[in-house]
C-alpha atoms as a PDB file:
ATOM      1  CA  MET A   1     -21.383 137.089 -51.181  1.00  0.00           C
ATOM      2  CA  GLU A   2     -25.193 137.165 -51.169  1.00  0.00           C
ATOM      3  CA  ASN A   3     -25.297 133.513 -52.262  1.00  0.00           C
ATOM      4  CA  LYS A   4     -23.107 132.496 -49.296  1.00  0.00           C
ATOM      5  CA  THR A   5     -25.311 134.427 -46.869  1.00  0.00           C
ATOM      6  CA  MET A   6     -28.448 132.914 -48.349  1.00  0.00           C
ATOM      7  CA  LEU A   7     -26.913 129.418 -48.206  1.00  0.00           C
ATOM      8  CA  ALA A   8     -25.911 129.908 -44.554  1.00  0.00           C
ATOM      9  CA  ALA A   9     -29.423 131.102 -43.662  1.00  0.00           C
ATOM     10  CA  VAL A  10     -31.010 128.061 -45.347  1.00  0.00           C
ATOM     11  CA  ALA A  11     -28.578 125.726 -43.545  1.00  0.00           C
ATOM     12  CA  VAL A  12     -29.445 127.299 -40.175  1.00  0.00           C
ATOM     13  CA  LEU A  13     -33.183 126.941 -40.890  1.00  0.00           C
ATOM     14  CA  ILE A  14     -32.727 123.283 -41.828  1.00  0.00           C
ATOM     15  CA  LEU A  15     -30.759 122.595 -38.631  1.00  0.00           C
ATOM     16  CA  VAL A  16     -33.406 124.327 -36.515  1.00  0.00           C
ATOM     17  CA  GLY A  17     -36.142 122.309 -38.258  1.00  0.00           C
ATOM     18  CA  VAL A  18     -34.311 119.012 -37.742  1.00  0.00           C
ATOM     19  CA  GLY A  19     -33.675 119.887 -34.097  1.00  0.00           C
ATOM     20  CA  PHE A  20     -37.353 120.675 -33.583  1.00  0.00           C
ATOM     21  CA  VAL A  21     -38.468 117.381 -35.139  1.00  0.00           C
ATOM     22  CA  VAL A  22     -35.979 115.377 -33.054  1.00  0.00           C
ATOM     23  CA  PHE A  23     -37.026 117.182 -29.871  1.00  0.00           C
ATOM     24  CA  GLN A  24     -40.740 116.579 -30.566  1.00  0.00           C
ATOM     25  CA  GLY A  25     -40.041 112.915 -31.309  1.00  0.00           C
ATOM     26  CA  MET A  26     -38.260 112.540 -27.967  1.00  0.00           C
ATOM     27  CA  LYS A  27     -41.220 114.054 -26.127  1.00  0.00           C
ATOM     28  CA  SER A  28     -43.820 111.762 -27.728  1.00  0.00           C
ATOM     29  CA  THR A  29     -41.793 108.534 -27.861  1.00  0.00           C
ATOM     30  CA  PRO A  30     -41.685 106.636 -24.549  1.00  0.00           C
ATOM     31  CA  SER A  31     -38.267 105.645 -23.328  1.00  0.00           C
ATOM     32  CA  MET A  32     -37.175 102.021 -23.578  1.00  0.00           C
ATOM     33  CA  GLU A  33     -37.575 101.740 -19.806  1.00  0.00           C
ATOM     34  CA  GLU A  34     -41.158 103.087 -19.912  1.00  0.00           C
ATOM     35  CA  SER A  35     -41.995 100.722 -22.782  1.00  0.00           C
ATOM     36  CA  MET A  36     -40.670  97.729 -20.854  1.00  0.00           C
ATOM     37  CA  GLU A  37     -42.583  98.751 -17.704  1.00  0.00           C
ATOM     38  CA  THR A  38     -45.797  99.058 -19.722  1.00  0.00           C
ATOM     39  CA  SER A  39     -45.170  95.724 -21.418  1.00  0.00           C
ATOM     40  CA  GLU A  40     -44.469  94.009 -18.091  1.00  0.00           C
ATOM     41  CA  SER A  41     -47.620  95.446 -16.500  1.00  0.00           C
ATOM     42  CA  LEU A  42     -49.703  94.339 -19.506  1.00  0.00           C
ATOM     43  CA  ASP A  43     -48.183  90.845 -19.299  1.00  0.00           C
ATOM     44  CA  SER A  44     -49.022  90.609 -15.602  1.00  0.00           C
ATOM     45  CA  MET A  45     -52.584  91.829 -16.255  1.00  0.00           C
ATOM     46  CA  GLU A  46     -53.003  89.169 -18.954  1.00  0.00           C
ATOM     47  CA  LEU A  47     -51.722  86.490 -16.583  1.00  0.00           C
ATOM     48  CA  GLU A  48     -54.038  87.686 -13.823  1.00  0.00           C
ATOM     49  CA  SER A  49     -57.056  87.644 -16.135  1.00  0.00           C
ATOM     50  CA  MET A  50     -56.163  84.137 -17.337  1.00  0.00           C
ATOM     51  CA  ALA A  51     -55.681  82.707 -13.859  1.00  0.00           C
ATOM     52  CA  PRO A  52     -58.613  80.565 -12.765  1.00  0.00           C
ATOM     53  CA  THR A  53     -60.406  82.029  -9.779  1.00  0.00           C
ATOM     54  CA  ALA A  54     -63.099  79.459  -9.218  1.00  0.00           C
ATOM     55  CA  THR A  55     -63.364  75.818  -8.390  1.00  0.00           C
ATOM     56  CA  ASP A  56     -65.702  73.259  -9.919  1.00  0.00           C
ATOM     57  CA  GLY A  57     -69.293  74.063  -9.067  1.00  0.00           C
ATOM     58  CA  ALA A  58     -68.494  77.752  -8.557  1.00  0.00           C
ATOM     59  CA  MET A  59     -68.849  80.553 -11.059  1.00  0.00           C
ATOM     60  CA  MET A  60     -66.365  83.026 -12.453  1.00  0.00           C
ATOM     61  CA  GLU A  61     -67.240  85.880 -14.761  1.00  0.00           C
ATOM     62  CA  ASP A  62     -64.938  87.921 -16.943  1.00  0.00           C
ATOM     63  CA  SER A  63     -65.500  89.237 -20.435  1.00  0.00           C
ATOM     64  CA  GLY A  64     -65.217  86.141 -22.577  1.00  0.00           C
ATOM     65  CA  ALA A  65     -64.125  83.938 -19.694  1.00  0.00           C
ATOM     66  CA  ALA A  66     -65.761  80.672 -18.863  1.00  0.00           C
ATOM     67  CA  MET A  67     -68.322  80.483 -16.119  1.00  0.00           C
ATOM     68  CA  MET A  68     -68.541  77.063 -14.571  1.00  0.00           C
ATOM     69  CA  GLU A  69     -71.791  75.740 -13.169  1.00  0.00           C
ATOM     70  CA  GLU A  70     -72.525  72.115 -12.382  1.00  0.00           C
ATOM     71  CA  GLY A  71     -71.129  70.577 -15.590  1.00  0.00           C
ATOM     72  CA  VAL A  72     -71.847  73.653 -17.753  1.00  0.00           C
ATOM     73  CA  LYS A  73     -69.101  75.898 -19.109  1.00  0.00           C
ATOM     74  CA  THR A  74     -70.432  79.284 -20.184  1.00  0.00           C
ATOM     75  CA  PHE A  75     -68.613  81.591 -22.586  1.00  0.00           C
ATOM     76  CA  THR A  76     -69.705  85.129 -23.387  1.00  0.00           C
ATOM     77  CA  VAL A  77     -68.625  86.004 -26.923  1.00  0.00           C
ATOM     78  CA  THR A  78     -69.056  89.405 -28.559  1.00  0.00           C
ATOM     79  CA  GLY A  79     -69.085  89.673 -32.336  1.00  0.00           C
ATOM     80  CA  THR A  80     -68.139  92.859 -34.153  1.00  0.00           C
ATOM     81  CA  ASN A  81     -67.330  93.417 -37.801  1.00  0.00           C
ATOM     82  CA  PHE A  82     -65.146  90.487 -38.846  1.00  0.00           C
ATOM     83  CA  ALA A  83     -64.000  89.463 -35.344  1.00  0.00           C
ATOM     84  CA  PHE A  84     -65.015  87.594 -32.207  1.00  0.00           C
ATOM     85  CA  ASP A  85     -63.515  88.865 -28.950  1.00  0.00           C
ATOM     86  CA  VAL A  86     -62.895  85.273 -27.820  1.00  0.00           C
ATOM     87  CA  LYS A  87     -60.568  83.482 -30.235  1.00  0.00           C
ATOM     88  CA  GLU A  88     -60.175  80.232 -28.295  1.00  0.00           C
ATOM     89  CA  MET A  89     -62.277  78.228 -25.841  1.00  0.00           C
ATOM     90  CA  ARG A  90     -61.153  75.103 -23.972  1.00  0.00           C
ATOM     91  CA  VAL A  91     -63.480  72.516 -22.483  1.00  0.00           C
ATOM     92  CA  ASN A  92     -63.361  68.858 -21.526  1.00  0.00           C
ATOM     93  CA  GLN A  93     -65.039  66.162 -23.564  1.00  0.00           C
ATOM     94  CA  GLY A  94     -68.553  65.634 -22.222  1.00  0.00           C
ATOM     95  CA  ASP A  95     -68.924  69.202 -20.905  1.00  0.00           C
ATOM     96  CA  THR A  96     -72.085  71.113 -21.667  1.00  0.00           C
ATOM     97  CA  VAL A  97     -71.042  74.335 -23.396  1.00  0.00           C
ATOM     98  CA  LYS A  98     -73.215  77.426 -23.106  1.00  0.00           C
ATOM     99  CA  ILE A  99     -72.530  80.293 -25.524  1.00  0.00           C
ATOM    100  CA  VAL A 100     -73.927  83.735 -24.759  1.00  0.00           C
ATOM    101  CA  PHE A 101     -73.439  85.533 -28.069  1.00  0.00           C
ATOM    102  CA  LYS A 102     -73.618  89.341 -27.970  1.00  0.00           C
ATOM    103  CA  ASN A 103     -73.643  91.352 -31.175  1.00  0.00           C
ATOM    104  CA  GLY A 104     -71.527  94.477 -30.813  1.00  0.00           C
ATOM    105  CA  ASP A 105     -71.890  95.789 -34.364  1.00  0.00           C
ATOM    106  CA  GLY A 106     -73.570  94.707 -37.611  1.00  0.00           C
ATOM    107  CA  THR A 107     -75.367  91.441 -38.433  1.00  0.00           C
ATOM    108  CA  HIS A 108     -73.762  88.265 -37.072  1.00  0.00           C
ATOM    109  CA  ASP A 109     -74.288  84.774 -35.724  1.00  0.00           C
ATOM    110  CA  TRP A 110     -72.119  82.089 -34.072  1.00  0.00           C
ATOM    111  CA  VAL A 111     -71.884  78.643 -35.682  1.00  0.00           C
ATOM    112  CA  ILE A 112     -69.971  75.426 -34.979  1.00  0.00           C
ATOM    113  CA  ASP A 113     -70.849  72.722 -37.490  1.00  0.00           C
ATOM    114  CA  GLU A 114     -69.496  69.630 -35.718  1.00  0.00           C
ATOM    115  CA  PHE A 115     -71.896  70.080 -32.789  1.00  0.00           C
ATOM    116  CA  ASN A 116     -74.801  71.318 -34.914  1.00  0.00           C
ATOM    117  CA  ALA A 117     -74.852  74.497 -32.808  1.00  0.00           C
ATOM    118  CA  ARG A 118     -75.946  77.863 -34.166  1.00  0.00           C
ATOM    119  CA  THR A 119     -77.258  81.095 -32.685  1.00  0.00           C
ATOM    120  CA  LYS A 120     -79.951  83.027 -34.456  1.00  0.00           C
ATOM    121  CA  MET A 121     -78.903  85.868 -36.774  1.00  0.00           C
ATOM    122  CA  THR A 122     -78.562  88.971 -34.568  1.00  0.00           C
ATOM    123  CA  GLN A 123     -78.381  92.722 -35.099  1.00  0.00           C
ATOM    124  CA  THR A 124     -76.339  95.321 -33.198  1.00  0.00           C
ATOM    125  CA  GLY A 125     -77.141  95.167 -29.478  1.00  0.00           C
ATOM    126  CA  GLU A 126     -78.974  91.833 -29.615  1.00  0.00           C
ATOM    127  CA  GLU A 127     -77.864  88.577 -28.016  1.00  0.00           C
ATOM    128  CA  ASP A 128     -78.717  84.894 -28.231  1.00  0.00           C
ATOM    129  CA  THR A 129     -77.803  81.928 -26.023  1.00  0.00           C
ATOM    130  CA  ILE A 130     -77.294  78.312 -27.064  1.00  0.00           C
ATOM    131  CA  GLU A 131     -76.131  75.113 -25.342  1.00  0.00           C
ATOM    132  CA  PHE A 132     -74.603  71.919 -26.672  1.00  0.00           C
ATOM    133  CA  VAL A 133     -72.593  68.959 -25.384  1.00  0.00           C
ATOM    134  CA  ALA A 134     -68.946  68.781 -26.471  1.00  0.00           C
ATOM    135  CA  ASP A 135     -69.067  65.032 -27.070  1.00  0.00           C
ATOM    136  CA  GLN A 136     -66.076  64.757 -29.450  1.00  0.00           C
ATOM    137  CA  ALA A 137     -62.436  65.588 -28.732  1.00  0.00           C
ATOM    138  CA  GLY A 138     -60.451  67.806 -31.077  1.00  0.00           C
ATOM    139  CA  THR A 139     -60.139  71.370 -32.312  1.00  0.00           C
ATOM    140  CA  PHE A 140     -63.230  72.770 -33.991  1.00  0.00           C
ATOM    141  CA  GLU A 141     -63.602  76.086 -35.790  1.00  0.00           C
ATOM    142  CA  TYR A 142     -66.519  78.338 -34.918  1.00  0.00           C
ATOM    143  CA  TYR A 143     -67.433  81.190 -37.234  1.00  0.00           C
ATOM    144  CA  CYS A 144     -69.945  83.791 -38.387  1.00  0.00           C
ATOM    145  CA  SER A 145     -71.962  82.513 -41.356  1.00  0.00           C
ATOM    146  CA  VAL A 146     -73.036  85.944 -42.629  1.00  0.00           C
ATOM    147  CA  GLY A 147     -71.749  86.760 -46.127  1.00  0.00           C
ATOM    148  CA  GLN A 148     -67.965  86.489 -46.325  1.00  0.00           C
ATOM    149  CA  HIS A 149     -67.387  87.126 -42.592  1.00  0.00           C
ATOM    150  CA  ARG A 150     -65.802  83.691 -42.067  1.00  0.00           C
ATOM    151  CA  GLN A 151     -63.378  84.221 -44.943  1.00  0.00           C
ATOM    152  CA  MET A 152     -62.577  87.679 -43.583  1.00  0.00           C
ATOM    153  CA  GLY A 153     -61.376  86.206 -40.281  1.00  0.00           C
ATOM    154  CA  MET A 154     -64.473  86.064 -38.090  1.00  0.00           C
ATOM    155  CA  VAL A 155     -63.477  82.688 -36.644  1.00  0.00           C
ATOM    156  CA  GLY A 156     -62.210  81.062 -33.463  1.00  0.00           C
ATOM    157  CA  ASN A 157     -61.459  77.602 -32.089  1.00  0.00           C
ATOM    158  CA  LEU A 158     -63.205  75.377 -29.575  1.00  0.00           C
ATOM    159  CA  ILE A 159     -60.682  72.917 -28.174  1.00  0.00           C
ATOM    160  CA  VAL A 160     -62.233  69.831 -26.595  1.00  0.00           C
ATOM    161  CA  GLU A 161     -59.708  67.850 -24.524  1.00  0.00           C
END
């Protein structure tokens, strides 16, 4: 008789524990509807930030976005450990490209071999600016040349159309 009572008590405790875990999970997990609303608002924010807001000869500034001045396309790129915040840049062949490289953490530089363009080696909080003419069409990888940073994924692409 004592075994049955003990078994019943353990079963009740297990059920209460499972109920508690399920209830807590429901409180912290957003509903499917909330998830979709969040996803849709993020998608619309991404589209808004990608939409061009300037015409030729004007300037537009956004973190990592291109600023256009008379024939110069400016990109602000921040480097942190093993990543650039701008993974892709698009310009037209013949454009002058200006890179404002900001170091967010560690020791980094910004290099693109095909255009013989390279910032100086920078430390946390420092920045360097370079300019070059994108005189060849194609997709070109830019990277950090410090240690194994390139192999660890600190790369991006400049697409010249």
